N, C-alpha and C. Protein backbone atom coordinates (compact mmCIF):
# COMPACT_ATOMS: atom_id res chain seq x y z
N MET A 1 -36.85 0.30 35.00
CA MET A 1 -35.98 -0.49 34.23
C MET A 1 -36.04 0.00 32.81
N ALA A 2 -37.33 0.16 32.28
CA ALA A 2 -37.57 0.83 31.03
C ALA A 2 -37.19 2.13 30.81
N LEU A 3 -37.22 2.94 31.94
CA LEU A 3 -36.69 4.29 31.90
C LEU A 3 -35.16 4.36 31.78
N THR A 4 -34.57 3.61 32.67
CA THR A 4 -33.12 3.44 32.60
C THR A 4 -32.75 2.97 31.21
N ARG A 5 -33.36 2.07 30.63
CA ARG A 5 -33.06 1.67 29.26
C ARG A 5 -33.07 2.54 28.22
N ALA A 6 -34.30 3.23 28.09
CA ALA A 6 -34.51 4.46 27.32
C ALA A 6 -33.41 5.46 27.46
N ILE A 7 -32.98 5.90 28.64
CA ILE A 7 -31.76 6.83 29.07
C ILE A 7 -30.67 6.36 28.54
N LEU A 8 -30.16 5.12 28.69
CA LEU A 8 -29.13 4.60 28.10
C LEU A 8 -28.87 4.70 26.54
N ILE A 9 -30.09 4.29 25.97
CA ILE A 9 -30.27 4.26 24.61
C ILE A 9 -30.27 5.70 23.80
N ALA A 10 -30.61 6.63 24.45
CA ALA A 10 -30.62 8.10 24.07
C ALA A 10 -29.32 8.65 24.34
N ALA A 11 -28.77 8.26 25.37
CA ALA A 11 -27.07 8.63 25.58
C ALA A 11 -26.28 8.01 24.57
N GLY A 12 -26.51 6.67 24.05
CA GLY A 12 -25.59 6.10 23.30
C GLY A 12 -25.86 6.45 21.65
N LEU A 13 -27.07 6.96 21.23
CA LEU A 13 -27.35 7.17 19.88
C LEU A 13 -26.46 8.44 19.22
N PRO A 14 -26.07 9.49 20.34
CA PRO A 14 -25.31 10.67 19.70
C PRO A 14 -23.87 9.94 19.44
N LEU A 15 -23.32 9.09 20.21
CA LEU A 15 -22.02 8.71 20.29
C LEU A 15 -21.92 7.74 19.13
N LEU A 16 -22.80 7.05 18.80
CA LEU A 16 -22.87 6.24 17.75
C LEU A 16 -22.99 6.90 16.27
N ALA A 17 -23.68 8.02 16.35
CA ALA A 17 -23.59 8.96 15.23
C ALA A 17 -22.36 9.66 14.93
N VAL A 18 -21.58 10.00 15.93
CA VAL A 18 -20.29 10.44 15.79
C VAL A 18 -19.34 9.26 15.17
N GLY A 19 -19.39 8.38 15.74
CA GLY A 19 -18.50 7.22 15.24
C GLY A 19 -18.77 6.96 13.90
N ALA A 20 -19.97 6.91 13.41
CA ALA A 20 -20.25 6.51 12.00
C ALA A 20 -19.93 7.90 10.92
N ALA A 21 -19.84 8.94 11.38
CA ALA A 21 -19.69 10.16 10.69
C ALA A 21 -17.97 10.33 10.55
N ALA A 22 -17.19 9.71 11.26
CA ALA A 22 -15.82 9.76 11.12
C ALA A 22 -15.32 9.35 10.01
N PRO A 23 -14.34 10.25 9.40
CA PRO A 23 -13.79 9.61 8.08
C PRO A 23 -12.81 8.49 8.15
N ALA A 24 -12.65 7.70 7.12
CA ALA A 24 -11.74 6.71 7.49
C ALA A 24 -10.24 7.22 7.18
N ALA A 25 -9.28 6.89 7.93
CA ALA A 25 -8.04 7.10 7.92
C ALA A 25 -7.17 6.26 7.30
N ALA A 26 -7.57 5.54 6.28
CA ALA A 26 -6.92 4.49 5.48
C ALA A 26 -6.56 5.00 4.14
N ALA A 27 -6.05 6.12 3.95
CA ALA A 27 -5.59 6.74 2.63
C ALA A 27 -4.27 5.94 2.32
N ILE A 28 -4.15 5.76 1.05
CA ILE A 28 -3.03 5.18 0.65
C ILE A 28 -1.86 6.18 0.53
N LYS A 29 -0.56 5.84 1.14
CA LYS A 29 0.40 6.57 0.98
C LYS A 29 1.54 6.20 -0.09
N CYS A 30 1.54 7.24 -1.09
CA CYS A 30 2.77 6.59 -2.03
C CYS A 30 3.75 7.77 -2.05
N ASN A 31 4.99 7.11 -2.35
CA ASN A 31 6.40 8.02 -2.39
C ASN A 31 7.12 7.49 -3.53
N ASP A 32 7.25 8.11 -4.61
CA ASP A 32 8.04 7.72 -5.89
C ASP A 32 7.70 6.18 -6.21
N GLY A 33 6.13 6.25 -6.37
CA GLY A 33 5.87 4.86 -6.78
C GLY A 33 5.83 3.84 -5.81
N ASN A 34 6.07 4.02 -4.74
CA ASN A 34 6.08 2.79 -3.58
C ASN A 34 5.01 3.25 -2.69
N GLN A 35 4.24 2.26 -2.09
CA GLN A 35 3.26 2.30 -1.11
C GLN A 35 3.59 1.89 0.24
N LEU A 36 3.33 2.60 1.18
CA LEU A 36 3.64 2.23 2.58
C LEU A 36 2.52 1.02 3.06
N ILE A 37 3.14 -0.12 3.21
CA ILE A 37 2.27 -1.18 3.83
C ILE A 37 2.98 -1.85 4.76
N GLN A 38 2.25 -1.59 5.84
CA GLN A 38 2.82 -2.45 7.36
C GLN A 38 4.11 -1.85 7.64
N GLY A 39 4.65 -0.54 7.42
CA GLY A 39 5.64 -0.02 7.71
C GLY A 39 6.61 -0.10 6.81
N ASN A 40 6.47 -0.90 5.53
CA ASN A 40 7.54 -1.13 4.46
C ASN A 40 7.09 -0.49 3.32
N TRP A 41 8.16 0.09 2.50
CA TRP A 41 7.74 0.67 1.36
C TRP A 41 7.86 -0.32 0.17
N MET A 42 6.62 -0.60 -0.55
CA MET A 42 6.64 -1.55 -1.69
C MET A 42 6.16 -1.10 -2.88
N ALA A 43 6.71 -1.53 -4.17
CA ALA A 43 6.24 -0.86 -5.30
C ALA A 43 4.88 -1.82 -5.58
N THR A 44 3.91 -0.72 -5.90
CA THR A 44 2.27 -1.42 -6.19
C THR A 44 1.93 -0.66 -7.54
N PRO A 45 1.19 -1.24 -8.29
CA PRO A 45 0.69 -0.68 -9.41
C PRO A 45 -0.12 0.55 -9.54
N TYR A 46 -0.85 0.69 -8.18
CA TYR A 46 -1.43 1.82 -7.80
C TYR A 46 -0.52 3.10 -7.65
N CYS A 47 0.62 3.12 -7.09
CA CYS A 47 1.42 4.09 -6.69
C CYS A 47 2.13 4.15 -8.03
N GLN A 48 2.55 3.27 -8.73
CA GLN A 48 3.25 3.28 -10.14
C GLN A 48 2.58 4.15 -10.98
N ASP A 49 1.31 3.87 -11.16
CA ASP A 49 0.16 4.78 -11.90
C ASP A 49 0.33 5.98 -11.54
N LYS A 50 0.18 6.57 -10.23
CA LYS A 50 0.20 7.74 -9.40
C LYS A 50 1.53 8.38 -10.04
N LEU A 51 2.58 7.68 -10.00
CA LEU A 51 4.00 8.27 -10.31
C LEU A 51 4.04 8.76 -11.92
N LEU A 52 3.40 7.75 -12.79
CA LEU A 52 3.33 8.04 -14.03
C LEU A 52 2.65 9.23 -14.27
N ALA A 53 1.58 9.37 -13.58
CA ALA A 53 0.67 10.65 -13.76
C ALA A 53 1.43 11.90 -13.47
N GLU A 54 2.13 11.90 -12.52
CA GLU A 54 2.98 13.13 -12.08
C GLU A 54 4.07 13.45 -13.06
N VAL A 55 4.88 12.25 -13.58
CA VAL A 55 5.79 12.46 -14.39
C VAL A 55 5.32 12.94 -15.73
N ALA A 56 4.31 12.36 -16.07
CA ALA A 56 3.61 12.86 -17.47
C ALA A 56 3.21 14.36 -17.29
N ASN A 57 2.52 15.07 -16.11
CA ASN A 57 2.17 16.16 -16.02
C ASN A 57 3.40 16.99 -15.96
N ALA A 58 4.47 16.69 -15.33
CA ALA A 58 5.77 17.46 -15.26
C ALA A 58 6.29 17.65 -16.77
N ARG A 59 6.36 16.62 -17.54
CA ARG A 59 6.80 16.66 -18.81
C ARG A 59 5.81 17.41 -19.80
N GLY A 60 4.65 17.77 -19.44
CA GLY A 60 3.89 18.56 -20.29
C GLY A 60 2.61 17.78 -20.92
N PHE A 61 2.29 16.80 -20.41
CA PHE A 61 1.19 15.86 -21.10
C PHE A 61 -0.03 16.23 -20.15
N LYS A 62 -1.10 16.49 -20.52
CA LYS A 62 -2.17 16.77 -19.73
C LYS A 62 -3.02 15.57 -19.67
N THR A 63 -2.80 14.74 -18.46
CA THR A 63 -3.53 13.73 -18.16
C THR A 63 -3.93 13.69 -16.74
N THR A 64 -4.63 12.62 -16.22
CA THR A 64 -4.90 12.43 -14.76
C THR A 64 -4.55 11.18 -14.50
N PHE A 65 -4.47 11.00 -13.03
CA PHE A 65 -4.48 9.69 -12.45
C PHE A 65 -5.61 8.65 -12.74
N ALA A 66 -6.73 9.18 -12.65
CA ALA A 66 -7.92 8.37 -12.94
C ALA A 66 -8.00 7.86 -14.46
N ALA A 67 -7.52 8.78 -15.31
CA ALA A 67 -7.30 8.53 -16.76
C ALA A 67 -6.49 7.29 -16.98
N ILE A 68 -5.43 7.26 -16.29
CA ILE A 68 -4.35 6.25 -16.37
C ILE A 68 -4.77 4.88 -15.89
N ARG A 69 -5.59 4.93 -14.64
CA ARG A 69 -5.95 3.79 -14.01
C ARG A 69 -7.13 3.04 -14.81
N ASN A 70 -7.83 3.86 -15.47
CA ASN A 70 -9.11 3.43 -16.13
C ASN A 70 -8.95 2.96 -17.46
N ASN A 71 -7.86 3.39 -18.06
CA ASN A 71 -7.66 3.12 -19.53
C ASN A 71 -6.22 2.66 -19.75
N PRO A 72 -6.08 1.31 -19.86
CA PRO A 72 -4.68 0.86 -20.19
C PRO A 72 -3.91 1.31 -21.28
N ASN A 73 -4.96 1.68 -22.39
CA ASN A 73 -4.28 2.14 -23.65
C ASN A 73 -3.93 3.50 -23.38
N HIS A 74 -4.50 4.28 -22.67
CA HIS A 74 -3.97 5.56 -22.29
C HIS A 74 -2.54 5.69 -21.42
N LYS A 75 -2.41 4.70 -20.97
CA LYS A 75 -1.18 4.37 -20.33
C LYS A 75 -0.12 3.91 -21.11
N LYS A 76 -0.52 3.01 -21.88
CA LYS A 76 0.64 2.81 -22.92
C LYS A 76 1.08 3.91 -23.84
N GLU A 77 -0.02 4.83 -24.24
CA GLU A 77 0.26 6.02 -24.98
C GLU A 77 1.16 6.65 -24.29
N LEU A 78 1.06 7.08 -23.17
CA LEU A 78 2.01 7.85 -22.26
C LEU A 78 3.23 7.12 -22.12
N CYS A 79 3.24 5.93 -22.00
CA CYS A 79 4.72 5.24 -21.88
C CYS A 79 5.58 5.21 -23.26
N ARG A 80 4.88 5.23 -24.41
CA ARG A 80 5.50 5.39 -25.56
C ARG A 80 6.57 6.74 -25.59
N PHE A 81 5.89 7.69 -25.09
CA PHE A 81 6.55 8.89 -25.04
C PHE A 81 7.67 9.01 -23.76
N LEU A 82 6.99 8.47 -22.72
CA LEU A 82 7.91 8.51 -21.37
C LEU A 82 8.83 7.59 -21.05
N TYR A 83 8.98 6.41 -21.82
CA TYR A 83 9.68 5.35 -21.67
C TYR A 83 11.06 5.61 -21.14
N THR A 84 11.88 6.55 -21.84
CA THR A 84 13.17 6.82 -21.51
C THR A 84 13.50 7.37 -20.19
N ASP A 85 12.32 7.92 -19.53
CA ASP A 85 12.46 8.48 -18.32
C ASP A 85 12.69 7.38 -17.00
N ILE A 86 13.88 7.40 -16.39
CA ILE A 86 14.29 6.24 -15.52
C ILE A 86 13.08 6.12 -14.47
N ARG A 87 12.28 7.16 -13.96
CA ARG A 87 11.49 7.11 -13.03
C ARG A 87 10.23 5.97 -13.28
N VAL A 88 9.82 5.97 -14.79
CA VAL A 88 8.74 5.22 -15.05
C VAL A 88 9.13 3.97 -15.99
N GLN A 89 10.38 3.62 -16.06
CA GLN A 89 10.65 2.73 -16.90
C GLN A 89 10.06 1.24 -16.60
N MET A 90 10.11 0.80 -15.41
CA MET A 90 9.65 -0.43 -14.85
C MET A 90 8.17 -0.38 -15.09
N THR A 91 7.35 0.82 -14.78
CA THR A 91 5.97 0.75 -14.79
C THR A 91 5.52 0.54 -16.44
N CYS A 92 6.17 1.18 -17.40
CA CYS A 92 6.05 1.05 -18.68
C CYS A 92 6.38 -0.19 -19.30
N LEU A 93 7.32 -0.85 -18.74
CA LEU A 93 7.58 -2.42 -19.08
C LEU A 93 6.55 -3.26 -18.70
N ASP A 94 5.93 -3.04 -17.47
CA ASP A 94 4.81 -4.03 -16.94
C ASP A 94 3.65 -3.78 -17.92
N ALA A 95 3.43 -2.21 -18.50
CA ALA A 95 2.36 -2.05 -19.41
C ALA A 95 2.58 -2.58 -20.71
N GLY A 96 3.67 -3.15 -21.04
CA GLY A 96 3.95 -3.66 -22.13
C GLY A 96 4.81 -2.66 -23.21
N VAL A 97 5.28 -1.73 -23.04
CA VAL A 97 6.06 -0.79 -23.70
C VAL A 97 7.72 -0.74 -23.28
N PRO A 98 8.68 -0.99 -24.26
CA PRO A 98 8.19 -0.85 -25.60
C PRO A 98 7.77 -2.38 -26.07
N GLU A 99 7.25 -2.14 -27.39
CA GLU A 99 6.43 -3.51 -27.59
C GLU A 99 7.32 -4.53 -28.65
N TYR A 100 8.53 -4.16 -28.38
CA TYR A 100 9.55 -4.95 -29.37
C TYR A 100 10.59 -5.54 -28.20
N PHE A 101 11.09 -6.55 -28.35
CA PHE A 101 12.06 -7.33 -27.48
C PHE A 101 13.26 -7.65 -28.36
N GLY A 102 13.79 -6.85 -29.32
CA GLY A 102 14.92 -7.27 -30.03
C GLY A 102 14.40 -8.20 -31.43
N GLY A 103 15.42 -8.72 -32.36
CA GLY A 103 15.17 -9.28 -33.39
C GLY A 103 14.46 -8.32 -34.13
N GLY A 104 14.39 -8.67 -35.44
CA GLY A 104 13.81 -7.89 -36.51
C GLY A 104 12.64 -8.62 -37.23
N ALA A 105 11.95 -8.03 -38.26
CA ALA A 105 11.03 -8.53 -39.07
C ALA A 105 11.81 -9.35 -39.87
N ARG A 106 11.38 -10.61 -40.16
CA ARG A 106 11.87 -11.94 -40.94
C ARG A 106 11.15 -11.86 -42.17
C-alpha cells in the first residue's frame, strides 16, 4: 500500500510541476482602444490608454504605455497636444481635456 502510494505521488509530481510552469493565456487583447471581453469588443480605459500611447508615438511623442497608465498628468499633457486626433478624443475627454467647456472668464 505504501509502495503504491509512493509510486503514485512520484508519478504525479512532474505533472504538477508542468501544470504550474505553464504560462497564463489570459492576455488582454486590444484593438483600436477596445478590449475583447467574452467575445464582444468594449471600450475600456486600459485599451484606450494603449491606443493613446500608439497614437502619441506615431505623432512623434516619446512615451510608453506604462507612463500613461501610471501618471494621469502625463496622460493629460499628451491629450493637450493630441486632442484633435479623432482616435483619442473620447480618451482625452475622460481625462479632462480640454479643460474648458465654453463660457469665458467673467
